[in-house]
Amino acid sequence: MPVIEPTKGFEDRVLTIATTAARAPATRRQMSTWWAAGLGALAATIASVAFLWKQPVPSPVASVELALHESREVSLVIDSERELDGAKIRLYVTGSVALAGFEQQPEIVWETSLLQGANLLSLPVVGRTPGDGSVVAEIEHGGRTRRTSVTLHVASLPGGDTA
């Protein structure tokens, strides 16, 4: 297929237009496009930081091993940024463990005051059946809730006996 030859001076015109456009100041339309792109990037960055900031930091989960029918004091530490009068504490006990003296109650609720700093909650836990269980403490005060927990594993008796 035949190709049409460019007109005389075509190369000079193309080079002149290209070099003039590169040196010419940006037009208002180009400037507004750059400003819009910059503002969009800023908004996306702020939204990402706000989302990450709001994510709760999971507290590490402690783990304790018990023998079958063993009773042991298990400690939960409730760290408070300030004094909390009238804080509601709710304990959930699940799986193969129970609170000694409260074996038939999977949930216990009471109100108390917490001091600023570390508050130690010592709980009498007993291993009922082989397997896993947990004790979760949920602390409510002023519309905020914090949770701390400990995972427990109840081992069967040596030699395979479970009774």
N, C-alpha and C. Protein backbone atom coordinates (compact mmCIF):
# COMPACT_ATOMS: atom_id res chain seq x y z
N MET A 1 0.84 -1.15 0.00
CA MET A 1 0.00 0.00 0.00
C MET A 1 0.90 1.23 0.00
N PRO A 2 0.63 2.16 -0.88
CA PRO A 2 1.49 3.35 -0.96
C PRO A 2 1.25 4.29 0.22
N VAL A 3 2.33 4.95 0.65
CA VAL A 3 2.26 5.90 1.76
C VAL A 3 2.41 7.30 1.18
N ILE A 4 1.57 8.23 1.64
CA ILE A 4 1.63 9.61 1.17
C ILE A 4 2.83 10.28 1.82
N GLU A 5 3.59 10.96 1.05
CA GLU A 5 4.76 11.68 1.56
C GLU A 5 4.30 12.92 2.33
N PRO A 6 4.97 13.26 3.46
CA PRO A 6 4.60 14.48 4.20
C PRO A 6 4.93 15.72 3.37
N THR A 7 4.20 16.77 3.65
CA THR A 7 4.42 18.03 2.92
C THR A 7 5.75 18.62 3.33
N LYS A 8 6.20 19.55 2.50
CA LYS A 8 7.48 20.20 2.74
C LYS A 8 7.43 20.99 4.05
N GLY A 9 8.40 20.83 4.93
CA GLY A 9 8.49 21.54 6.20
C GLY A 9 7.73 20.87 7.34
N PHE A 10 7.19 19.68 7.10
CA PHE A 10 6.41 18.96 8.10
C PHE A 10 7.23 18.71 9.37
N GLU A 11 8.43 18.24 9.22
CA GLU A 11 9.29 17.91 10.37
C GLU A 11 9.60 19.16 11.17
N ASP A 12 9.87 20.26 10.53
CA ASP A 12 10.17 21.50 11.24
C ASP A 12 8.96 21.97 12.05
N ARG A 13 7.76 21.87 11.43
CA ARG A 13 6.54 22.31 12.13
C ARG A 13 6.29 21.44 13.38
N VAL A 14 6.45 20.13 13.26
CA VAL A 14 6.21 19.22 14.38
C VAL A 14 7.20 19.51 15.51
N LEU A 15 8.48 19.68 15.18
CA LEU A 15 9.48 19.96 16.20
C LEU A 15 9.23 21.32 16.87
N THR A 16 8.82 22.30 16.10
CA THR A 16 8.55 23.63 16.66
C THR A 16 7.38 23.56 17.64
N ILE A 17 6.32 22.89 17.25
CA ILE A 17 5.15 22.76 18.14
C ILE A 17 5.53 22.02 19.41
N ALA A 18 6.29 20.93 19.28
CA ALA A 18 6.67 20.12 20.44
C ALA A 18 7.54 20.90 21.41
N THR A 19 8.52 21.63 20.91
CA THR A 19 9.41 22.36 21.80
C THR A 19 8.74 23.60 22.38
N THR A 20 7.83 24.20 21.68
CA THR A 20 7.11 25.37 22.19
C THR A 20 6.16 24.94 23.30
N ALA A 21 5.47 23.81 23.15
CA ALA A 21 4.54 23.31 24.16
C ALA A 21 5.29 22.95 25.44
N ALA A 22 6.49 22.43 25.31
CA ALA A 22 7.27 22.04 26.49
C ALA A 22 7.71 23.26 27.28
N ARG A 23 7.97 24.38 26.58
CA ARG A 23 8.45 25.59 27.27
C ARG A 23 7.31 26.50 27.69
N ALA A 24 6.11 26.31 27.16
CA ALA A 24 4.99 27.21 27.45
C ALA A 24 4.51 27.00 28.89
N PRO A 25 4.05 28.07 29.55
CA PRO A 25 3.52 27.93 30.90
C PRO A 25 2.23 27.10 30.87
N ALA A 26 1.96 26.44 32.00
CA ALA A 26 0.76 25.59 32.08
C ALA A 26 -0.49 26.45 32.01
N THR A 27 -1.48 25.93 31.37
CA THR A 27 -2.74 26.66 31.25
C THR A 27 -3.52 26.49 32.55
N ARG A 28 -4.57 27.29 32.71
CA ARG A 28 -5.40 27.20 33.91
C ARG A 28 -6.02 25.81 34.05
N ARG A 29 -6.40 25.25 32.93
CA ARG A 29 -7.02 23.93 32.97
C ARG A 29 -6.03 22.88 33.48
N GLN A 30 -4.78 22.96 33.00
CA GLN A 30 -3.77 22.02 33.47
C GLN A 30 -3.50 22.22 34.96
N MET A 31 -3.43 23.46 35.41
CA MET A 31 -3.18 23.75 36.83
C MET A 31 -4.31 23.21 37.70
N SER A 32 -5.56 23.41 37.29
CA SER A 32 -6.68 22.94 38.09
C SER A 32 -6.70 21.41 38.14
N THR A 33 -6.27 20.77 37.06
CA THR A 33 -6.21 19.31 37.05
C THR A 33 -5.19 18.83 38.08
N TRP A 34 -4.02 19.48 38.14
CA TRP A 34 -3.00 19.09 39.11
C TRP A 34 -3.46 19.34 40.54
N TRP A 35 -4.14 20.48 40.77
CA TRP A 35 -4.64 20.76 42.10
C TRP A 35 -5.69 19.72 42.52
N ALA A 36 -6.56 19.36 41.61
CA ALA A 36 -7.60 18.35 41.91
C ALA A 36 -6.95 17.00 42.23
N ALA A 37 -5.95 16.63 41.46
CA ALA A 37 -5.27 15.36 41.71
C ALA A 37 -4.57 15.39 43.07
N GLY A 38 -3.94 16.50 43.41
CA GLY A 38 -3.26 16.63 44.70
C GLY A 38 -4.24 16.57 45.87
N LEU A 39 -5.38 17.26 45.73
CA LEU A 39 -6.38 17.23 46.79
C LEU A 39 -6.99 15.84 46.95
N GLY A 40 -7.18 15.14 45.85
CA GLY A 40 -7.70 13.77 45.91
C GLY A 40 -6.73 12.85 46.64
N ALA A 41 -5.44 12.99 46.35
CA ALA A 41 -4.43 12.17 47.02
C ALA A 41 -4.38 12.50 48.52
N LEU A 42 -4.49 13.77 48.86
CA LEU A 42 -4.49 14.18 50.26
C LEU A 42 -5.71 13.61 50.99
N ALA A 43 -6.88 13.68 50.37
CA ALA A 43 -8.09 13.15 50.99
C ALA A 43 -7.98 11.64 51.20
N ALA A 44 -7.43 10.93 50.23
CA ALA A 44 -7.26 9.48 50.36
C ALA A 44 -6.30 9.14 51.50
N THR A 45 -5.23 9.91 51.64
CA THR A 45 -4.26 9.69 52.70
C THR A 45 -4.90 9.93 54.07
N ILE A 46 -5.65 11.01 54.21
CA ILE A 46 -6.30 11.32 55.48
C ILE A 46 -7.31 10.24 55.83
N ALA A 47 -8.09 9.78 54.86
CA ALA A 47 -9.07 8.72 55.11
C ALA A 47 -8.38 7.43 55.55
N SER A 48 -7.27 7.09 54.93
CA SER A 48 -6.54 5.87 55.30
C SER A 48 -6.00 5.96 56.72
N VAL A 49 -5.42 7.09 57.06
CA VAL A 49 -4.87 7.27 58.41
C VAL A 49 -5.99 7.23 59.45
N ALA A 50 -7.12 7.88 59.16
CA ALA A 50 -8.24 7.87 60.10
C ALA A 50 -8.77 6.46 60.30
N PHE A 51 -8.86 5.68 59.24
CA PHE A 51 -9.35 4.29 59.34
C PHE A 51 -8.40 3.46 60.19
N LEU A 52 -7.09 3.57 59.95
CA LEU A 52 -6.12 2.80 60.72
C LEU A 52 -6.09 3.24 62.18
N TRP A 53 -6.29 4.54 62.43
CA TRP A 53 -6.26 5.08 63.78
C TRP A 53 -7.42 4.52 64.60
N LYS A 54 -8.58 4.33 63.97
CA LYS A 54 -9.78 3.86 64.67
C LYS A 54 -9.76 2.36 64.94
N GLN A 55 -8.86 1.62 64.30
CA GLN A 55 -8.82 0.17 64.50
C GLN A 55 -8.36 -0.14 65.92
N PRO A 56 -9.12 -0.96 66.67
CA PRO A 56 -8.69 -1.31 68.02
C PRO A 56 -7.44 -2.18 67.98
N VAL A 57 -6.60 -1.95 68.92
CA VAL A 57 -5.39 -2.75 69.01
C VAL A 57 -5.71 -3.99 69.82
N PRO A 58 -5.59 -5.16 69.22
CA PRO A 58 -5.93 -6.36 69.97
C PRO A 58 -4.93 -6.60 71.08
N SER A 59 -5.46 -6.92 72.27
CA SER A 59 -4.55 -7.21 73.37
C SER A 59 -4.08 -8.65 73.26
N PRO A 60 -2.85 -8.91 73.67
CA PRO A 60 -2.35 -10.28 73.57
C PRO A 60 -3.16 -11.20 74.47
N VAL A 61 -3.38 -12.43 74.02
CA VAL A 61 -4.16 -13.40 74.77
C VAL A 61 -3.20 -14.33 75.50
N ALA A 62 -3.34 -14.38 76.83
CA ALA A 62 -2.51 -15.25 77.63
C ALA A 62 -3.05 -16.68 77.55
N SER A 63 -2.20 -17.65 77.85
CA SER A 63 -2.62 -19.05 77.79
C SER A 63 -2.12 -19.77 79.03
N VAL A 64 -3.00 -20.60 79.63
CA VAL A 64 -2.68 -21.35 80.84
C VAL A 64 -3.07 -22.80 80.62
N GLU A 65 -2.26 -23.73 81.14
CA GLU A 65 -2.59 -25.16 81.06
C GLU A 65 -2.95 -25.66 82.44
N LEU A 66 -4.05 -26.41 82.52
CA LEU A 66 -4.53 -27.00 83.77
C LEU A 66 -4.64 -28.51 83.61
N ALA A 67 -4.53 -29.21 84.73
CA ALA A 67 -4.84 -30.64 84.73
C ALA A 67 -6.34 -30.78 84.96
N LEU A 68 -6.87 -31.92 84.59
CA LEU A 68 -8.29 -32.20 84.81
C LEU A 68 -8.60 -32.12 86.30
N HIS A 69 -9.65 -31.40 86.68
CA HIS A 69 -10.12 -31.19 88.05
C HIS A 69 -9.18 -30.32 88.88
N GLU A 70 -8.15 -29.77 88.28
CA GLU A 70 -7.23 -28.87 89.01
C GLU A 70 -7.90 -27.52 89.19
N SER A 71 -7.71 -26.94 90.37
CA SER A 71 -8.20 -25.59 90.64
C SER A 71 -6.98 -24.68 90.79
N ARG A 72 -7.02 -23.54 90.12
CA ARG A 72 -5.87 -22.63 90.13
C ARG A 72 -6.36 -21.18 90.05
N GLU A 73 -5.62 -20.30 90.70
CA GLU A 73 -5.90 -18.87 90.57
C GLU A 73 -5.33 -18.39 89.24
N VAL A 74 -6.18 -17.83 88.41
CA VAL A 74 -5.77 -17.28 87.12
C VAL A 74 -5.94 -15.76 87.21
N SER A 75 -4.89 -15.04 86.85
CA SER A 75 -4.92 -13.58 86.99
C SER A 75 -5.16 -12.90 85.65
N LEU A 76 -6.04 -11.91 85.69
CA LEU A 76 -6.25 -11.01 84.56
C LEU A 76 -5.85 -9.61 85.02
N VAL A 77 -5.12 -8.90 84.18
CA VAL A 77 -4.72 -7.54 84.52
C VAL A 77 -5.57 -6.58 83.70
N ILE A 78 -6.23 -5.66 84.39
CA ILE A 78 -7.03 -4.63 83.74
C ILE A 78 -6.27 -3.34 83.89
N ASP A 79 -5.72 -2.85 82.80
CA ASP A 79 -4.93 -1.62 82.81
C ASP A 79 -5.84 -0.44 82.52
N SER A 80 -5.92 0.51 83.45
CA SER A 80 -6.81 1.65 83.30
C SER A 80 -5.99 2.94 83.19
N GLU A 81 -6.37 3.78 82.23
CA GLU A 81 -5.67 5.05 82.03
C GLU A 81 -5.95 6.04 83.14
N ARG A 82 -7.10 5.85 83.83
CA ARG A 82 -7.50 6.75 84.91
C ARG A 82 -8.39 5.98 85.88
N GLU A 83 -8.72 6.61 87.01
CA GLU A 83 -9.64 5.99 87.96
C GLU A 83 -11.02 5.86 87.32
N LEU A 84 -11.66 4.71 87.54
CA LEU A 84 -13.00 4.48 87.00
C LEU A 84 -13.94 4.09 88.13
N ASP A 85 -14.81 5.01 88.55
CA ASP A 85 -15.82 4.70 89.56
C ASP A 85 -17.04 4.12 88.87
N GLY A 86 -17.57 3.04 89.42
CA GLY A 86 -18.78 2.43 88.86
C GLY A 86 -18.56 1.70 87.56
N ALA A 87 -17.38 1.11 87.37
CA ALA A 87 -17.12 0.32 86.16
C ALA A 87 -17.85 -1.01 86.28
N LYS A 88 -18.45 -1.45 85.19
CA LYS A 88 -19.14 -2.74 85.18
C LYS A 88 -18.20 -3.79 84.59
N ILE A 89 -17.98 -4.87 85.34
CA ILE A 89 -17.14 -5.97 84.87
C ILE A 89 -18.04 -7.17 84.60
N ARG A 90 -17.89 -7.73 83.43
CA ARG A 90 -18.68 -8.90 83.02
C ARG A 90 -17.68 -10.00 82.67
N LEU A 91 -17.78 -11.14 83.35
CA LEU A 91 -16.92 -12.29 83.08
C LEU A 91 -17.70 -13.33 82.29
N TYR A 92 -17.09 -13.83 81.24
CA TYR A 92 -17.64 -14.94 80.46
C TYR A 92 -16.69 -16.11 80.61
N VAL A 93 -17.22 -17.27 80.98
CA VAL A 93 -16.40 -18.48 81.13
C VAL A 93 -16.95 -19.50 80.13
N THR A 94 -16.08 -20.01 79.25
CA THR A 94 -16.54 -20.93 78.21
C THR A 94 -15.66 -22.17 78.14
N GLY A 95 -16.21 -23.19 77.50
CA GLY A 95 -15.43 -24.39 77.21
C GLY A 95 -15.26 -25.30 78.40
N SER A 96 -14.06 -25.82 78.57
CA SER A 96 -13.77 -26.89 79.53
C SER A 96 -13.43 -26.38 80.92
N VAL A 97 -13.64 -25.09 81.20
CA VAL A 97 -13.31 -24.54 82.52
C VAL A 97 -14.53 -23.88 83.14
N ALA A 98 -14.44 -23.66 84.46
CA ALA A 98 -15.50 -22.96 85.20
C ALA A 98 -14.84 -22.18 86.33
N LEU A 99 -15.57 -21.21 86.87
CA LEU A 99 -15.09 -20.51 88.05
C LEU A 99 -15.51 -21.31 89.27
N ALA A 100 -14.56 -21.61 90.16
CA ALA A 100 -14.85 -22.37 91.37
C ALA A 100 -15.89 -21.62 92.19
N GLY A 101 -16.95 -22.32 92.56
CA GLY A 101 -18.05 -21.70 93.31
C GLY A 101 -19.13 -21.15 92.40
N PHE A 102 -18.86 -21.04 91.12
CA PHE A 102 -19.83 -20.53 90.14
C PHE A 102 -19.90 -21.46 88.93
N GLU A 103 -19.80 -22.75 89.17
CA GLU A 103 -19.70 -23.73 88.08
C GLU A 103 -20.87 -23.67 87.10
N GLN A 104 -22.07 -23.33 87.57
CA GLN A 104 -23.25 -23.32 86.70
C GLN A 104 -23.51 -21.96 86.06
N GLN A 105 -22.63 -20.99 86.29
CA GLN A 105 -22.83 -19.64 85.76
C GLN A 105 -21.77 -19.32 84.71
N PRO A 106 -22.14 -19.28 83.43
CA PRO A 106 -21.17 -18.94 82.39
C PRO A 106 -20.88 -17.43 82.32
N GLU A 107 -21.72 -16.63 83.03
CA GLU A 107 -21.54 -15.17 83.00
C GLU A 107 -21.78 -14.60 84.39
N ILE A 108 -20.86 -13.73 84.83
CA ILE A 108 -20.98 -13.07 86.12
C ILE A 108 -20.77 -11.58 85.90
N VAL A 109 -21.63 -10.74 86.51
CA VAL A 109 -21.55 -9.29 86.32
C VAL A 109 -21.55 -8.61 87.68
N TRP A 110 -20.69 -7.58 87.83
CA TRP A 110 -20.70 -6.76 89.03
C TRP A 110 -20.12 -5.38 88.71
N GLU A 111 -20.38 -4.43 89.62
CA GLU A 111 -19.83 -3.09 89.47
C GLU A 111 -18.77 -2.87 90.54
N THR A 112 -17.72 -2.13 90.14
CA THR A 112 -16.63 -1.86 91.07
C THR A 112 -15.91 -0.59 90.62
N SER A 113 -14.96 -0.15 91.39
CA SER A 113 -14.12 0.98 91.01
C SER A 113 -12.73 0.45 90.67
N LEU A 114 -12.14 0.99 89.62
CA LEU A 114 -10.79 0.61 89.22
C LEU A 114 -9.86 1.77 89.47
N LEU A 115 -8.65 1.46 89.91
CA LEU A 115 -7.63 2.48 90.12
C LEU A 115 -6.90 2.76 88.80
N GLN A 116 -6.26 3.90 88.73
CA GLN A 116 -5.43 4.19 87.57
C GLN A 116 -4.25 3.24 87.58
N GLY A 117 -3.93 2.67 86.41
CA GLY A 117 -2.82 1.73 86.31
C GLY A 117 -3.31 0.30 86.24
N ALA A 118 -2.48 -0.62 86.69
CA ALA A 118 -2.79 -2.05 86.60
C ALA A 118 -3.67 -2.48 87.77
N ASN A 119 -4.79 -3.12 87.45
CA ASN A 119 -5.71 -3.69 88.44
C ASN A 119 -5.70 -5.20 88.24
N LEU A 120 -5.36 -5.94 89.30
CA LEU A 120 -5.24 -7.39 89.20
C LEU A 120 -6.56 -8.05 89.61
N LEU A 121 -7.07 -8.91 88.75
CA LEU A 121 -8.28 -9.67 89.01
C LEU A 121 -7.88 -11.14 89.07
N SER A 122 -7.91 -11.73 90.29
CA SER A 122 -7.50 -13.12 90.48
C SER A 122 -8.76 -13.98 90.54
N LEU A 123 -8.84 -14.98 89.66
CA LEU A 123 -10.05 -15.79 89.54
C LEU A 123 -9.74 -17.26 89.83
N PRO A 124 -10.57 -17.92 90.66
CA PRO A 124 -10.37 -19.35 90.94
C PRO A 124 -10.99 -20.18 89.80
N VAL A 125 -10.15 -20.74 88.94
CA VAL A 125 -10.62 -21.49 87.78
C VAL A 125 -10.37 -22.98 88.01
N VAL A 126 -11.32 -23.80 87.59
CA VAL A 126 -11.19 -25.25 87.74
C VAL A 126 -11.37 -25.90 86.37
N GLY A 127 -10.54 -26.92 86.08
CA GLY A 127 -10.64 -27.67 84.83
C GLY A 127 -11.72 -28.74 84.95
N ARG A 128 -12.82 -28.61 84.19
CA ARG A 128 -13.95 -29.55 84.30
C ARG A 128 -13.81 -30.76 83.38
N THR A 129 -13.45 -30.50 82.12
CA THR A 129 -13.34 -31.58 81.13
C THR A 129 -12.09 -31.32 80.28
N PRO A 130 -11.52 -32.35 79.68
CA PRO A 130 -10.35 -32.13 78.81
C PRO A 130 -10.74 -31.25 77.61
N GLY A 131 -9.86 -30.36 77.24
CA GLY A 131 -10.11 -29.49 76.08
C GLY A 131 -9.76 -28.05 76.37
N ASP A 132 -10.25 -27.19 75.52
CA ASP A 132 -9.93 -25.76 75.62
C ASP A 132 -11.09 -24.98 76.21
N GLY A 133 -10.76 -23.88 76.83
CA GLY A 133 -11.75 -22.97 77.40
C GLY A 133 -11.17 -21.58 77.49
N SER A 134 -11.97 -20.65 77.96
CA SER A 134 -11.45 -19.29 78.10
C SER A 134 -12.21 -18.53 79.17
N VAL A 135 -11.56 -17.52 79.70
CA VAL A 135 -12.18 -16.57 80.61
C VAL A 135 -11.98 -15.20 79.98
N VAL A 136 -13.09 -14.51 79.75
CA VAL A 136 -13.05 -13.19 79.12
C VAL A 136 -13.63 -12.18 80.10
N ALA A 137 -12.90 -11.10 80.35
CA ALA A 137 -13.40 -10.01 81.19
C ALA A 137 -13.68 -8.82 80.29
N GLU A 138 -14.91 -8.32 80.37
CA GLU A 138 -15.32 -7.16 79.59
C GLU A 138 -15.59 -6.03 80.58
N ILE A 139 -14.90 -4.90 80.41
CA ILE A 139 -15.02 -3.78 81.33
C ILE A 139 -15.74 -2.65 80.60
N GLU A 140 -16.86 -2.17 81.18
CA GLU A 140 -17.63 -1.08 80.58
C GLU A 140 -17.62 0.11 81.52
N HIS A 141 -17.40 1.29 80.95
CA HIS A 141 -17.46 2.53 81.74
C HIS A 141 -17.59 3.70 80.79
N GLY A 142 -18.55 4.55 81.04
CA GLY A 142 -18.70 5.77 80.25
C GLY A 142 -18.91 5.52 78.76
N GLY A 143 -19.62 4.46 78.41
CA GLY A 143 -19.88 4.17 77.00
C GLY A 143 -18.74 3.49 76.27
N ARG A 144 -17.64 3.23 76.96
CA ARG A 144 -16.50 2.55 76.34
C ARG A 144 -16.40 1.13 76.90
N THR A 145 -15.92 0.22 76.07
CA THR A 145 -15.76 -1.17 76.49
C THR A 145 -14.35 -1.64 76.17
N ARG A 146 -13.75 -2.34 77.11
CA ARG A 146 -12.42 -2.93 76.90
C ARG A 146 -12.52 -4.40 77.28
N ARG A 147 -11.76 -5.21 76.59
CA ARG A 147 -11.84 -6.66 76.80
C ARG A 147 -10.44 -7.22 77.01
N THR A 148 -10.34 -8.15 77.96
CA THR A 148 -9.10 -8.88 78.18
C THR A 148 -9.48 -10.34 78.42
N SER A 149 -8.59 -11.24 78.04
CA SER A 149 -8.96 -12.66 78.16
C SER A 149 -7.74 -13.53 78.40
N VAL A 150 -8.04 -14.76 78.83
CA VAL A 150 -7.01 -15.78 78.98
C VAL A 150 -7.59 -17.08 78.42
N THR A 151 -6.78 -17.77 77.64
CA THR A 151 -7.16 -19.06 77.07
C THR A 151 -6.60 -20.15 77.97
N LEU A 152 -7.41 -21.18 78.21
CA LEU A 152 -6.99 -22.26 79.09
C LEU A 152 -7.12 -23.59 78.36
N HIS A 153 -6.21 -24.49 78.67
CA HIS A 153 -6.28 -25.84 78.11
C HIS A 153 -6.27 -26.82 79.29
N VAL A 154 -7.26 -27.69 79.31
CA VAL A 154 -7.35 -28.70 80.37
C VAL A 154 -6.86 -30.01 79.78
N ALA A 155 -5.78 -30.52 80.37
CA ALA A 155 -5.18 -31.79 79.90
C ALA A 155 -5.86 -32.95 80.63
N SER A 156 -6.00 -34.07 79.94
CA SER A 156 -6.57 -35.26 80.56
C SER A 156 -5.54 -35.85 81.53
N LEU A 157 -6.02 -36.75 82.38
CA LEU A 157 -5.12 -37.37 83.36
C LEU A 157 -4.08 -38.23 82.66
N PRO A 158 -2.88 -38.38 83.23
CA PRO A 158 -1.86 -39.24 82.63
C PRO A 158 -2.38 -40.67 82.46
N GLY A 159 -1.96 -41.32 81.40
CA GLY A 159 -2.37 -42.69 81.13
C GLY A 159 -3.69 -42.78 80.40
N GLY A 160 -4.26 -41.64 79.99
CA GLY A 160 -5.49 -41.64 79.20
C GLY A 160 -6.76 -41.63 80.00
N ASP A 161 -6.69 -41.75 81.36
CA ASP A 161 -7.91 -41.71 82.17
C ASP A 161 -8.49 -40.32 82.14
N THR A 162 -9.79 -40.22 82.11
CA THR A 162 -10.43 -38.90 82.12
C THR A 162 -11.28 -38.72 83.36
N ALA A 163 -11.27 -39.65 84.28
CA ALA A 163 -12.10 -39.50 85.48
C ALA A 163 -11.27 -39.54 86.73
